[in-house]
Amino acid sequence: MKRPAIFHPEAEEEFLAAVAYYAERSPSAAERFDAEIRRLVAQIETMPRRHGPWRHGTRRARARRFPFIVIFVERPTALRIMAVAHIKQHPDYWQERLA
């Protein structure tokens, strides 16, 4: 059964900030980034277990063409996107969002 992916408010802010960052440099890069993250989220919704366990009971999906990961947790009725993180960020900065 497909469960919807719901963004944590701070994860949504990260996603939108990254799109804006790429848009300042290249509108086409921003479009590609947006499409890549949306593709990952759709994949997470249909096959969450494809992405192995990671930190603190989460899973992560890595973007192919951008240095970002989507960190999520499985819940009975939904999947929670906890972070859209640049791979160079501190790996646990989003941990407090799990509470």
C-alpha atoms as a PDB file:
ATOM      1  CA  MET A   1       0.000   0.000   0.000  1.00  0.00           C
ATOM      2  CA  LYS A   2       1.386   3.365  -1.017  1.00  0.00           C
ATOM      3  CA  ARG A   3       1.780   5.786   1.878  1.00  0.00           C
ATOM      4  CA  PRO A   4       1.999   9.531   1.246  1.00  0.00           C
ATOM      5  CA  ALA A   5       5.233  11.377   1.953  1.00  0.00           C
ATOM      6  CA  ILE A   6       4.705  14.393   4.195  1.00  0.00           C
ATOM      7  CA  PHE A   7       7.466  16.975   4.565  1.00  0.00           C
ATOM      8  CA  HIS A   8       8.475  18.175   8.009  1.00  0.00           C
ATOM      9  CA  PRO A   9       8.121  21.991   7.816  1.00  0.00           C
ATOM     10  CA  GLU A  10      11.888  22.497   8.146  1.00  0.00           C
ATOM     11  CA  ALA A  11      12.585  19.885   5.473  1.00  0.00           C
ATOM     12  CA  GLU A  12      10.226  21.711   3.134  1.00  0.00           C
ATOM     13  CA  GLU A  13      12.073  24.966   3.877  1.00  0.00           C
ATOM     14  CA  GLU A  14      15.382  23.252   3.062  1.00  0.00           C
ATOM     15  CA  PHE A  15      14.007  21.965  -0.210  1.00  0.00           C
ATOM     16  CA  LEU A  16      12.657  25.373  -1.238  1.00  0.00           C
ATOM     17  CA  ALA A  17      15.892  27.114  -0.191  1.00  0.00           C
ATOM     18  CA  ALA A  18      17.922  24.711  -2.319  1.00  0.00           C
ATOM     19  CA  VAL A  19      15.633  25.296  -5.309  1.00  0.00           C
ATOM     20  CA  ALA A  20      16.084  29.069  -4.818  1.00  0.00           C
ATOM     21  CA  TYR A  21      19.858  28.654  -4.556  1.00  0.00           C
ATOM     22  CA  TYR A  22      19.999  26.773  -7.848  1.00  0.00           C
ATOM     23  CA  ALA A  23      17.550  29.214  -9.483  1.00  0.00           C
ATOM     24  CA  GLU A  24      19.897  32.118  -8.737  1.00  0.00           C
ATOM     25  CA  ARG A  25      22.610  30.347 -10.673  1.00  0.00           C
ATOM     26  CA  SER A  26      20.617  28.628 -13.395  1.00  0.00           C
ATOM     27  CA  PRO A  27      16.852  28.261 -13.859  1.00  0.00           C
ATOM     28  CA  SER A  28      17.378  24.960 -15.667  1.00  0.00           C
ATOM     29  CA  ALA A  29      19.495  23.618 -12.774  1.00  0.00           C
ATOM     30  CA  ALA A  30      16.704  24.578 -10.379  1.00  0.00           C
ATOM     31  CA  GLU A  31      14.188  22.716 -12.533  1.00  0.00           C
ATOM     32  CA  ARG A  32      16.412  19.635 -12.658  1.00  0.00           C
ATOM     33  CA  PHE A  33      16.954  19.728  -8.894  1.00  0.00           C
ATOM     34  CA  ASP A  34      13.221  20.092  -8.236  1.00  0.00           C
ATOM     35  CA  ALA A  35      12.462  17.191 -10.576  1.00  0.00           C
ATOM     36  CA  GLU A  36      15.147  14.998  -8.988  1.00  0.00           C
ATOM     37  CA  ILE A  37      13.879  15.528  -5.443  1.00  0.00           C
ATOM     38  CA  ARG A  38      10.273  14.973  -6.520  1.00  0.00           C
ATOM     39  CA  ARG A  39      11.363  11.763  -8.279  1.00  0.00           C
ATOM     40  CA  LEU A  40      13.046  10.589  -5.078  1.00  0.00           C
ATOM     41  CA  VAL A  41       9.966  11.396  -2.993  1.00  0.00           C
ATOM     42  CA  ALA A  42       7.747   9.461  -5.433  1.00  0.00           C
ATOM     43  CA  GLN A  43      10.161   6.536  -5.234  1.00  0.00           C
ATOM     44  CA  ILE A  44      10.113   6.715  -1.432  1.00  0.00           C
ATOM     45  CA  GLU A  45       6.319   6.604  -1.496  1.00  0.00           C
ATOM     46  CA  THR A  46       6.202   3.480  -3.636  1.00  0.00           C
ATOM     47  CA  MET A  47       9.291   1.625  -2.360  1.00  0.00           C
ATOM     48  CA  PRO A  48      10.446   3.023   0.992  1.00  0.00           C
ATOM     49  CA  ARG A  49      12.343  -0.143   1.916  1.00  0.00           C
ATOM     50  CA  ARG A  50      14.491   0.190  -1.187  1.00  0.00           C
ATOM     51  CA  HIS A  51      16.492   2.676   0.838  1.00  0.00           C
ATOM     52  CA  GLY A  52      18.403   1.049   3.659  1.00  0.00           C
ATOM     53  CA  PRO A  53      18.299   1.927   7.333  1.00  0.00           C
ATOM     54  CA  TRP A  54      20.397   4.904   8.293  1.00  0.00           C
ATOM     55  CA  ARG A  55      20.715   6.961  11.490  1.00  0.00           C
ATOM     56  CA  HIS A  56      18.267   7.169  14.397  1.00  0.00           C
ATOM     57  CA  GLY A  57      15.694   4.847  12.821  1.00  0.00           C
ATOM     58  CA  THR A  58      15.574   6.743   9.526  1.00  0.00           C
ATOM     59  CA  ARG A  59      16.240   5.841   5.921  1.00  0.00           C
ATOM     60  CA  ARG A  60      17.886   7.969   3.257  1.00  0.00           C
ATOM     61  CA  ALA A  61      17.647   8.328  -0.481  1.00  0.00           C
ATOM     62  CA  ARG A  62      20.457   9.972  -2.396  1.00  0.00           C
ATOM     63  CA  ALA A  63      19.919  12.236  -5.384  1.00  0.00           C
ATOM     64  CA  ARG A  64      21.742  11.101  -8.499  1.00  0.00           C
ATOM     65  CA  ARG A  65      22.897  14.402  -9.946  1.00  0.00           C
ATOM     66  CA  PHE A  66      22.970  16.670  -6.913  1.00  0.00           C
ATOM     67  CA  PRO A  67      24.824  16.433  -3.592  1.00  0.00           C
ATOM     68  CA  PHE A  68      21.642  15.980  -1.548  1.00  0.00           C
ATOM     69  CA  ILE A  69      19.945  13.227   0.416  1.00  0.00           C
ATOM     70  CA  VAL A  70      16.317  12.906   1.467  1.00  0.00           C
ATOM     71  CA  ILE A  71      16.059  11.576   5.014  1.00  0.00           C
ATOM     72  CA  PHE A  72      12.749   9.985   5.999  1.00  0.00           C
ATOM     73  CA  VAL A  73      11.041   7.836   8.597  1.00  0.00           C
ATOM     74  CA  GLU A  74       8.336   5.270   8.086  1.00  0.00           C
ATOM     75  CA  ARG A  75       5.118   5.725  10.014  1.00  0.00           C
ATOM     76  CA  PRO A  76       2.065   3.426   9.843  1.00  0.00           C
ATOM     77  CA  THR A  77       0.003   5.807   7.713  1.00  0.00           C
ATOM     78  CA  ALA A  78       2.624   8.083   6.128  1.00  0.00           C
ATOM     79  CA  LEU A  79       6.283   8.616   5.411  1.00  0.00           C
ATOM     80  CA  ARG A  80       7.794  11.702   7.032  1.00  0.00           C
ATOM     81  CA  ILE A  81      10.480  13.553   5.119  1.00  0.00           C
ATOM     82  CA  MET A  82      12.706  14.823   7.931  1.00  0.00           C
ATOM     83  CA  ALA A  83      15.389  16.589   5.889  1.00  0.00           C
ATOM     84  CA  VAL A  84      16.511  17.488   2.409  1.00  0.00           C
ATOM     85  CA  ALA A  85      20.169  17.727   3.312  1.00  0.00           C
ATOM     86  CA  HIS A  86      23.309  18.663   1.456  1.00  0.00           C
ATOM     87  CA  ILE A  87      25.777  15.824   1.910  1.00  0.00           C
ATOM     88  CA  LYS A  88      28.389  18.212   3.365  1.00  0.00           C
ATOM     89  CA  GLN A  89      26.132  19.282   6.249  1.00  0.00           C
ATOM     90  CA  HIS A  90      26.606  17.875   9.729  1.00  0.00           C
ATOM     91  CA  PRO A  91      24.957  14.456   9.459  1.00  0.00           C
ATOM     92  CA  ASP A  92      22.716  14.769  12.537  1.00  0.00           C
ATOM     93  CA  TYR A  93      21.601  18.419  12.433  1.00  0.00           C
ATOM     94  CA  TRP A  94      17.987  17.337  11.763  1.00  0.00           C
ATOM     95  CA  GLN A  95      17.798  14.771  14.607  1.00  0.00           C
ATOM     96  CA  GLU A  96      15.713  17.016  16.887  1.00  0.00           C
ATOM     97  CA  ARG A  97      12.920  16.894  14.301  1.00  0.00           C
ATOM     98  CA  LEU A  98      12.243  13.265  15.199  1.00  0.00           C
ATOM     99  CA  ALA A  99      10.688  14.258  18.539  1.00  0.00           C
END
